[in-house]
Amino acid sequence: MQWYEPDTRWDLYAKSREEFVDRFVVEGKFHKNVPEDIVTDFQTVSYLMAHSYYHWPMFDEAMSKLLLIMEMAIKLKAKALGIPTKNGKRDKRLVNIIDDVFENDFLKFLKPDFDRARNFRNIKMHPDNLMFMGAMGFTDANARLFANTINLLFLESNELNKLHSTIHELESILKPFKTGIYVLQFQDKKILIDGFYTFKYREFENNKLLLLYINPLTTNVHEKFVEKKYPEPLIIAFKDFSIKEDSIEDEDLDGNPIRIYINDKEQNLKAYFNYHKALSKIPEKDMQMFFQLNSSNALWQMEKIFYENCWS
């Protein structure tokens, strides 16, 4: 087999193979209840991603393998739940297996991720033409998302019930913090925020993580939305947290104090109204483009934080 020099296009992404591996290769992290077949197949995905340094279209093969792993996972879960995967001698359609598995209330919140994977699979299995997405296809980000979803899928039912119940409770408890004038105090600085866009919560063994996708108030509204100088999404991670009537506080992933609290002093009210006045002048199409791109990036970041901090 002939080995190739690294594709020059990777100069945009990594200066060395070590940097490439660090940035783009996802090694499988799974808890003990995930079937061994899935763990072994994910190792193949990791090797395909690593070898993409020499031939970048191998990223697409890694993605194809990931999609087959997701299909395997849902079929194994169906069998574990006593759900038939065949109609007589014929294989049941994947969409029907997914629907049957996610009739269980404690699993329903995972269904969108499996539907998304199934749609990807259909595109890959029935292509209109030869397409190479490479790293631009977010194979690494999808690998972390799929691994997170598989880990959740194979948690014990009591753990999933508890997680589902806690997420439902947090939706109610965090609702007052979603909009309004708050101060975020972290990393020895304070910034004014207009609540948060969305949250995600995961719990596994002794790990409890609450992530908030924060909306900071900025003075450069025109640059941000119209000139498309998009900032990185601001994701705040609480490792331990206490939610009070007017604050959320405790520690971040490094054990440092972090706090979100109400502060409606006159200067903060002025900044809040100036921000929303400037926002009202932004064209709707520019707003939509920002939120689409920034929110997508934020969700990838959230999945990465969960992947790196939840599983063994």
Protein backbone atom coordinates (compact mmCIF):
# COMPACT_ATOMS: atom_id res chain seq x y z
CA MET A 1 0.00 0.00 0.00
CA GLN A 2 1.34 3.42 -0.92
CA TRP A 3 1.33 6.15 1.71
CA TYR A 4 0.86 9.73 0.64
CA GLU A 5 2.24 12.97 1.97
CA PRO A 6 -0.29 15.02 3.91
CA ASP A 7 -2.78 16.81 1.67
CA THR A 8 -1.72 20.47 1.40
CA ARG A 9 -5.29 21.49 2.21
CA TRP A 10 -4.61 20.43 5.79
CA ASP A 11 -2.31 23.44 6.10
CA LEU A 12 -5.53 25.29 6.84
CA TYR A 13 -6.29 23.01 9.76
CA ALA A 14 -3.13 21.61 11.29
CA LYS A 15 0.62 22.12 11.06
CA SER A 16 1.58 18.57 12.05
CA ARG A 17 0.10 15.10 12.27
CA GLU A 18 0.11 15.38 16.07
CA GLU A 19 -1.92 18.59 15.91
CA PHE A 20 -4.24 17.02 13.35
CA VAL A 21 -4.89 13.99 15.58
CA ASP A 22 -5.45 16.21 18.59
CA ARG A 23 -7.98 18.37 16.75
CA PHE A 24 -9.86 15.94 14.52
CA VAL A 25 -9.59 12.37 15.84
CA VAL A 26 -12.22 11.20 18.32
CA GLU A 27 -11.36 8.17 20.43
CA GLY A 28 -14.32 6.19 21.70
CA LYS A 29 -15.37 6.85 25.29
CA PHE A 30 -18.15 4.54 26.45
CA HIS A 31 -19.49 3.27 29.75
CA LYS A 32 -19.59 -0.43 30.60
CA ASN A 33 -23.18 -1.01 29.45
CA VAL A 34 -22.47 -0.08 25.82
CA PRO A 35 -22.18 -3.31 23.76
CA GLU A 36 -18.66 -4.38 22.86
CA ASP A 37 -19.49 -4.52 19.13
CA ILE A 38 -20.14 -0.78 19.18
CA VAL A 39 -16.95 -0.03 21.10
CA THR A 40 -14.86 -2.11 18.66
CA ASP A 41 -16.45 -0.54 15.57
CA PHE A 42 -15.85 2.93 16.95
CA GLN A 43 -12.14 2.12 17.19
CA THR A 44 -12.21 1.61 13.41
CA VAL A 45 -13.76 5.07 13.04
CA SER A 46 -10.93 6.56 15.08
CA TYR A 47 -8.31 4.91 12.86
CA LEU A 48 -10.06 6.10 9.70
CA MET A 49 -10.07 9.65 11.05
CA ALA A 50 -6.39 9.45 11.97
CA HIS A 51 -5.43 8.18 8.51
CA SER A 52 -7.41 11.01 6.91
CA TYR A 53 -4.32 13.13 7.53
CA TYR A 54 -2.79 11.34 4.53
CA HIS A 55 -5.93 11.07 2.39
CA TRP A 56 -8.68 13.45 3.45
CA PRO A 57 -11.68 11.69 1.74
CA MET A 58 -11.25 8.93 4.36
CA PHE A 59 -13.16 11.26 6.66
CA ASP A 60 -16.23 10.41 4.60
CA GLU A 61 -15.61 6.71 5.14
CA ALA A 62 -15.38 7.39 8.86
CA MET A 63 -18.75 9.15 8.66
CA SER A 64 -20.30 6.23 6.79
CA LYS A 65 -19.02 3.88 9.49
CA LEU A 66 -20.46 6.15 12.21
CA LEU A 67 -23.88 5.98 10.59
CA LEU A 68 -23.74 2.18 10.48
CA ILE A 69 -22.78 2.18 14.17
CA MET A 70 -25.86 4.27 14.95
CA GLU A 71 -27.98 1.76 13.04
CA MET A 72 -26.36 -1.11 14.95
CA ALA A 73 -26.96 0.69 18.25
CA ILE A 74 -30.69 1.16 17.69
CA LYS A 75 -31.11 -2.47 16.62
CA LEU A 76 -29.21 -3.75 19.66
CA LYS A 77 -31.32 -1.54 21.93
CA ALA A 78 -34.48 -2.83 20.25
CA LYS A 79 -33.43 -6.43 20.94
CA ALA A 80 -32.62 -5.54 24.56
CA LEU A 81 -36.15 -4.11 24.91
CA GLY A 82 -37.71 -7.18 23.28
CA ILE A 83 -38.72 -5.24 20.16
CA PRO A 84 -38.64 -7.32 16.93
CA THR A 85 -36.26 -6.06 14.22
CA LYS A 86 -37.81 -8.27 11.54
CA ASN A 87 -41.20 -8.69 9.94
CA GLY A 88 -41.20 -12.42 9.43
CA LYS A 89 -37.98 -13.14 7.54
CA ARG A 90 -37.56 -9.60 6.27
CA ASP A 91 -35.70 -6.86 8.12
CA LYS A 92 -37.95 -4.18 9.51
CA ARG A 93 -37.35 -0.69 8.11
CA LEU A 94 -34.97 1.36 10.23
CA VAL A 95 -37.48 4.19 10.62
CA ASN A 96 -39.98 1.74 12.12
CA ILE A 97 -37.43 0.31 14.55
CA ILE A 98 -36.55 3.83 15.70
CA ASP A 99 -40.24 4.67 16.19
CA ASP A 100 -40.79 1.48 18.20
CA VAL A 101 -37.76 2.03 20.46
CA PHE A 102 -38.62 5.65 21.19
CA GLU A 103 -42.18 4.91 22.19
CA ASN A 104 -40.61 4.53 25.64
CA ASP A 105 -41.11 7.85 27.45
CA PHE A 106 -37.66 7.85 29.05
CA LEU A 107 -36.00 7.54 25.61
CA LYS A 108 -38.05 10.04 23.60
CA PHE A 109 -35.66 12.95 24.09
CA LEU A 110 -32.97 11.02 22.15
CA LYS A 111 -35.14 10.44 19.05
CA PRO A 112 -34.17 13.66 17.16
CA ASP A 113 -30.51 12.62 17.15
CA PHE A 114 -31.32 9.18 15.75
CA ASP A 115 -33.69 10.65 13.15
CA ARG A 116 -30.88 13.00 12.12
CA ALA A 117 -28.44 10.10 11.80
CA ARG A 118 -31.00 8.12 9.77
CA ASN A 119 -31.42 11.02 7.33
CA PHE A 120 -27.63 11.23 6.93
CA ARG A 121 -27.54 7.49 6.34
CA ASN A 122 -30.16 7.68 3.60
CA ILE A 123 -28.17 10.37 1.80
CA LYS A 124 -24.92 8.38 2.08
CA MET A 125 -26.52 5.12 0.96
CA HIS A 126 -28.28 6.71 -2.02
CA PRO A 127 -25.95 9.44 -3.30
CA ASP A 128 -26.73 11.48 -6.40
CA ASN A 129 -23.02 11.99 -7.08
CA LEU A 130 -19.58 11.49 -5.57
CA MET A 131 -19.13 14.02 -2.77
CA PHE A 132 -16.18 14.54 -0.47
CA MET A 133 -16.93 16.58 2.62
CA GLY A 134 -13.81 15.77 4.62
CA ALA A 135 -13.43 17.75 7.83
CA MET A 136 -15.98 20.24 6.55
CA GLY A 137 -18.58 17.53 7.13
CA PHE A 138 -17.92 17.84 10.89
CA THR A 139 -17.11 14.15 11.19
CA ASP A 140 -15.35 14.72 14.51
CA ALA A 141 -18.27 16.70 15.93
CA ASN A 142 -20.76 14.07 14.72
CA ALA A 143 -18.60 11.33 16.24
CA ARG A 144 -18.83 12.99 19.66
CA LEU A 145 -22.57 13.61 19.27
CA PHE A 146 -23.22 10.01 18.24
CA ALA A 147 -21.03 8.63 21.04
CA ASN A 148 -22.87 10.80 23.59
CA THR A 149 -26.23 9.62 22.24
CA ILE A 150 -25.20 5.96 22.28
CA ASN A 151 -23.93 6.29 25.85
CA LEU A 152 -27.29 7.73 26.87
CA LEU A 153 -29.20 5.07 24.94
CA PHE A 154 -27.57 2.28 26.96
CA LEU A 155 -27.92 3.81 30.40
CA GLU A 156 -30.10 1.88 32.82
CA SER A 157 -33.78 2.81 32.57
CA ASN A 158 -33.80 4.25 36.11
CA GLU A 159 -30.85 6.52 35.22
CA LEU A 160 -32.59 7.72 32.06
CA ASN A 161 -35.84 8.30 33.96
CA LYS A 162 -33.97 10.38 36.52
CA LEU A 163 -32.17 12.37 33.80
CA HIS A 164 -35.40 12.99 31.89
CA SER A 165 -37.15 14.12 35.09
CA THR A 166 -34.32 16.48 36.05
CA ILE A 167 -34.25 18.08 32.58
CA HIS A 168 -38.00 18.65 32.84
CA GLU A 169 -37.59 20.27 36.28
CA LEU A 170 -34.74 22.48 35.06
CA GLU A 171 -36.88 23.74 32.17
CA SER A 172 -39.24 25.22 34.76
CA ILE A 173 -36.62 26.36 37.28
CA LEU A 174 -34.42 28.08 34.68
CA LYS A 175 -37.27 29.80 32.83
CA PRO A 176 -36.96 33.09 34.81
CA PHE A 177 -33.27 33.31 33.81
CA LYS A 178 -33.92 32.92 30.08
CA THR A 179 -34.43 36.66 29.50
CA GLY A 180 -33.63 39.75 31.54
CA ILE A 181 -30.68 41.73 32.84
CA TYR A 182 -28.10 39.51 34.53
CA VAL A 183 -24.43 39.67 35.37
CA LEU A 184 -22.21 36.70 34.59
CA GLN A 185 -19.26 36.60 36.97
CA PHE A 186 -16.48 34.18 36.03
CA GLN A 187 -12.74 34.05 35.34
CA ASP A 188 -12.18 37.22 37.40
CA LYS A 189 -14.46 39.28 35.17
CA LYS A 190 -18.07 40.40 34.95
CA ILE A 191 -20.14 40.73 31.79
CA LEU A 192 -23.71 41.86 31.27
CA ILE A 193 -25.97 39.24 29.68
CA ASP A 194 -29.51 39.00 28.39
CA GLY A 195 -30.23 35.61 29.87
CA PHE A 196 -29.44 32.51 27.82
CA TYR A 197 -30.57 30.93 24.56
CA THR A 198 -30.77 27.30 25.65
CA PHE A 199 -29.45 24.82 28.20
CA LYS A 200 -28.40 21.19 28.29
CA TYR A 201 -28.02 18.91 31.29
CA ARG A 202 -26.39 15.51 31.61
CA GLU A 203 -25.84 13.24 34.59
CA PHE A 204 -23.80 10.06 34.79
CA GLU A 205 -22.66 8.43 38.01
CA ASN A 206 -21.17 11.32 40.00
CA ASN A 207 -20.91 13.70 37.04
CA LYS A 208 -23.56 16.42 36.80
CA LEU A 209 -23.13 19.07 34.15
CA LEU A 210 -25.37 22.04 33.41
CA LEU A 211 -24.44 23.97 30.26
CA LEU A 212 -25.88 27.36 29.33
CA TYR A 213 -25.56 28.99 25.92
CA ILE A 214 -25.32 32.62 27.04
CA ASN A 215 -26.45 35.78 25.23
CA PRO A 216 -23.95 38.54 26.14
CA LEU A 217 -24.96 42.18 25.61
CA THR A 218 -22.58 43.76 23.10
CA THR A 219 -22.03 47.31 21.89
CA ASN A 220 -20.97 46.23 18.38
CA VAL A 221 -24.39 44.98 17.28
CA HIS A 222 -23.98 46.10 13.64
CA GLU A 223 -20.60 44.35 13.29
CA LYS A 224 -21.91 41.21 14.90
CA PHE A 225 -25.01 40.76 12.75
CA VAL A 226 -24.58 42.74 9.52
CA GLU A 227 -20.82 42.69 8.97
CA LYS A 228 -20.87 39.03 10.05
CA LYS A 229 -18.02 39.34 12.54
CA TYR A 230 -19.47 36.50 14.53
CA PRO A 231 -17.99 35.88 17.99
CA GLU A 232 -17.53 32.39 19.35
CA PRO A 233 -20.62 31.19 21.23
CA LEU A 234 -20.36 31.72 24.97
CA ILE A 235 -20.95 28.40 26.75
CA ILE A 236 -20.93 28.32 30.54
CA ALA A 237 -20.46 24.96 32.28
CA PHE A 238 -21.57 24.37 35.86
CA LYS A 239 -20.08 21.24 37.42
CA ASP A 240 -21.92 21.85 40.67
CA PHE A 241 -24.73 24.35 40.82
CA SER A 242 -27.24 25.93 43.13
CA ILE A 243 -30.27 27.65 41.60
CA LYS A 244 -31.83 30.32 43.79
CA GLU A 245 -34.60 32.81 43.13
CA ASP A 246 -32.23 35.46 41.75
CA SER A 247 -29.01 33.58 40.95
CA ILE A 248 -27.31 30.46 39.62
CA GLU A 249 -23.96 29.78 41.25
CA ASP A 250 -21.28 27.31 42.28
CA GLU A 251 -18.29 25.89 40.34
CA ASP A 252 -17.12 25.48 36.75
CA LEU A 253 -15.28 22.45 35.34
CA ASP A 254 -11.99 23.59 36.91
CA GLY A 255 -13.51 24.16 40.34
CA ASN A 256 -13.53 27.95 39.98
CA PRO A 257 -16.47 29.99 41.28
CA ILE A 258 -19.06 31.07 38.73
CA ARG A 259 -22.24 33.03 39.24
CA ILE A 260 -25.17 34.48 37.28
CA TYR A 261 -27.26 37.01 39.19
CA ILE A 262 -29.80 39.79 38.69
CA ASN A 263 -28.37 43.29 38.52
CA ASP A 264 -30.73 46.02 37.30
CA LYS A 265 -28.69 49.08 38.23
CA GLU A 266 -29.39 52.18 36.15
CA GLN A 267 -26.31 51.81 33.93
CA ASN A 268 -27.17 48.17 33.26
CA LEU A 269 -30.75 49.09 32.34
CA LYS A 270 -29.40 51.69 29.93
CA ALA A 271 -27.05 49.18 28.30
CA TYR A 272 -29.90 46.66 28.04
CA PHE A 273 -32.27 49.07 26.29
CA ASN A 274 -29.53 50.40 23.98
CA TYR A 275 -28.72 46.83 22.96
CA HIS A 276 -32.33 45.99 22.10
CA LYS A 277 -32.81 49.33 20.32
CA ALA A 278 -29.81 48.54 18.09
CA LEU A 279 -31.08 45.00 17.64
CA SER A 280 -34.45 46.25 16.36
CA LYS A 281 -32.67 47.92 13.41
CA ILE A 282 -30.96 44.71 12.21
CA PRO A 283 -32.49 43.06 9.08
CA GLU A 284 -34.27 39.81 9.84
CA LYS A 285 -32.17 37.82 7.35
CA ASP A 286 -28.94 38.90 9.11
CA MET A 287 -30.39 37.93 12.47
CA GLN A 288 -31.44 34.51 11.18
CA MET A 289 -28.04 33.81 9.64
CA PHE A 290 -26.24 34.69 12.87
CA PHE A 291 -28.47 32.56 15.06
CA GLN A 292 -28.32 29.61 12.67
CA LEU A 293 -24.51 29.54 12.49
CA ASN A 294 -23.82 30.54 16.09
CA SER A 295 -26.37 28.16 17.58
CA SER A 296 -25.05 25.26 15.51
CA ASN A 297 -21.52 25.97 16.73
CA ALA A 298 -22.79 26.27 20.31
CA LEU A 299 -24.46 22.87 20.21
CA TRP A 300 -21.30 21.23 18.84
CA GLN A 301 -19.34 22.80 21.71
CA MET A 302 -21.85 21.53 24.25
CA GLU A 303 -21.59 17.99 22.92
CA LYS A 304 -17.78 18.21 23.10
CA ILE A 305 -17.94 19.29 26.75
CA PHE A 306 -20.26 16.40 27.59
CA TYR A 307 -18.08 13.93 25.68
CA GLU A 308 -14.90 15.00 27.48
CA ASN A 309 -16.40 15.16 30.98
CA CYS A 310 -19.20 12.60 31.29
CA TRP A 311 -17.88 9.25 30.15
CA SER A 312 -15.02 7.07 31.35
